[in-house]
Amino acid sequence: MANKLTIALLQLPVGGEVASNVRRAVDSVRKLKAENPKLQLAILPESFNAPYGQEHFPKFAEQVPTGPTCQALSKLARELGIYIVGGSIVEREGTKLYNTCTVWAPNGSLIGRHRKIHLFTMSIEPANAGGVEFDEAAVLTAGSEPTVVQIGQQKVGVGICHDKRFEELARIYRNMGCSMLVYPSAFCICQGPMHWELLQRARATDNQVFVVTCSPARDNMSGYVAYGHSMVVNPWAQVQREAGEGCEFIVEEIDFDMVEQVRRQIPIFKQRRTDVYATTKLSLGQKLAPSGFEQAIATKRNQSWSMATSKLAFGASIALVLWVWAGAGYGQVAFVRHLSELRIRELKDLAVRMQNSINPEKYACESYFDYVCSRNRPLFSIMGHMPQMSELIQLLTELQNDPAQFEAKQKLLDFFISCNSQHALEDCYRETFEYFKPLFGYIVTKNMTQGGSHELDDFLGVLERFVARTHRDRESNPILDKLATYKQKFKTPRVYFHAGDLDREYRNLRIYRESYEHNIRNLELHRKQNSTYEMGVQRTMLDWSMYLFQSRNKPMSYYYATFTVHLYMMLFNVRERQRDFTRFREEVECLRLPQFVNVLDEARMLAVIYLKSFRAAWIDYSAWISAPPHNNGIYDQENGILQQYHLDNKRIFFTLYAQNFCEFGKDLAEHVFYLGLKQNKDFFDIYSCGFQTENPMSCV
């Protein structure tokens, strides 16, 4: 059952009053849930709360997520404990209007907001079912971001109506791991008979996913007549369920095992010729220009590369570019009070990702492990994680476009080409990162030092405060001396990633553009025997550089829950192992650890180390919030933004800390790594647990 999802499509009529339309939708979903207890996802039509039309858009627009329609959907999702794809409404933000689909989690939080990317502009002649002329762009603003949400165990891509005509968007969703695409849609009656089913079956077979559409019921007396025929199409491109024209509800079980069956039997994504074409992503403000790496792949068979020559030609191949990520240069960034627009955007993204990573069906006070780990998708580890695909493409493109030409960089490019001759593009980005990580450190630190990065200042500030506090406490520990040295070195991290040093690092490595297997063997041998970046100061500079790249525009609750905890673990791991054993034993007895922990010396030691690390990091973060006053202003403004996602900075801190230890399993996490959480009054206040005193704070 874990790989199945019971969904409902509500093909509702739409009248002229928002309140009655929303009430009809809420009552219908509530009734369907009562009749179908296994219902997990309800899907509403496009423009379900108000009439669809250019003249209606400004009149019925409301804010997201504070408007009455959103509040009703949030309350309904929380009441029924289900996901809701809220069709679409007209969203007002400042002077702009958007056609927006909201997605709600079972705890009532907003986990997705998709603004229609492709606005419906059409002029169909009367010979075709009476014809239609319509131009959403005359009133609405187009969105610019694909939207993927986590529903149960599945990633789901969201589009609105006209979006489904564009295969490129669906392909991006497939590349991002989606197994189902949902399109609330109000197709007009003139194009419905021609293209409605055709487009859904095409998107399903192109990308081997379920495609689900939900239309308003047909009303032949309205100014805009919707086609109806809400539909579920499976990955075989078969129509699994279809509604008629009028008000009708479909409840259907989606078996996602079918997705894997189709992809295994017809492995088209393993057969795609990414040496000839590719679908990637594009950010606003960038021109449609081929990615350097796509150019390299397209020309690899017939072009002899020379490092001193000019850019790579496109050849006879085509690189299809949808969404190229912006580089590191921010230019002039606007601020809203204490926060830049970039930081606000990143904070919202982090909030959505966090809502997707936790399991709202679990009670945090009963088992925090189940709450933050049972979906098995922790966001970050203590010292970062494998960058997202968007970040890898961004860095590789910047590296290829960097004017400096040197041998190590050429070997990276040659390896990437050899990999792509046998593997998917995404796999090659990841492998290139793993084997040539120091070159990523090169481009990250180059951007960092050239751009006057405020992230570097924030990072060094966290490190400075840690070193200052431990020295103030008169700590004597070799780790502190090393960190103080590293802190000074990291003020100029680029000195560890000069092109000449990287050339020396990879001097003895042989890379063959035509032999991927030989390259893998050579790289594994190099990493074991020769790499100077596997230990010592170079390794620390590399780890910190990549962590800093992944931390850009993150709130301080992120830094303290990850990096500061990491620093304290280093400190206490040395100090606690040198302590008087009698005193240590007394502390452990006071903690009342379970038997399976007490019988293992190392488990008892880790319990104390992680308890102290969490507590110290929390004290440091609390001190940062309160002094100086400017910090408190940042903290309050961030909490104001996070509130709309039912989050705050403290929840972010607790969740990120806890997710560091998901891989160790429930027993160890709850009884060893989470001891600090269970002794923290703020934790119990935040989650309304009632403060627990079984393990008193005075134990350690």
Foldseek 3Di string as FASTA:
>chain_A
DLQKAKEKFWQAAEDAAQVVLLVVVLVVVVVVCVVPVRHAEYEYAFQSRHDDDLVCQVVFAEAPPPDPSNQSVLVSLCVSQHKYFAHWHWYDDPPATFTWIWIAGSNSFTQKIATAADWDADFADCVQVGTDGGGPPVHHDHDFDWIWFFRRLFIETEHEAVVLVDLLSLVVSLVVGGQEYEYRYQAFQRCCVPPVLVSQLVSLQVRVHKYWYHHHAADPPDPTGGAAFTFIAGSVSHTPDTDHRGGDMDIDMDRSVSSVVVCVVVVVLQVDQLLQEDEEAAGPPDDPDDQQLSLCSVCVPPDDDDLPDDGRDNPPGDYHYHGQDDEDADPDFDDDVLATPVLLVVLVVVLSVQVRQFDPVDACLVAVLNGRDVSPDFDAALLGDQDDLNVLSRLLSLLSPPSDGADLNVLLSLLLLQVVVRGRNSVSSRVSCVLLVLSSLQSLLVSCVVRVAVLLVVLLVLLVVVLVVCVVVVDDDVLSVVSVVLSVCLVRLNVLRDRVNSCVLCVPQDHHSNDNVVNVVSSVVSVVPGHPCPDDSNVVSSSNSVSSVVCPSPDVLLCLLRHQLVSQLVVLVVVVVPDDVVLLVQLLVLQVFDPVQVVDPVLSSLQVSLLVSLVVSVVVVVVQCPPPVSNVVVQVVSQVSSVSSVDHSVNVNVSNNLSNCSVVDRSSSVRRNCSNLLADPVNCVSSVNPRDPSRHPVSD
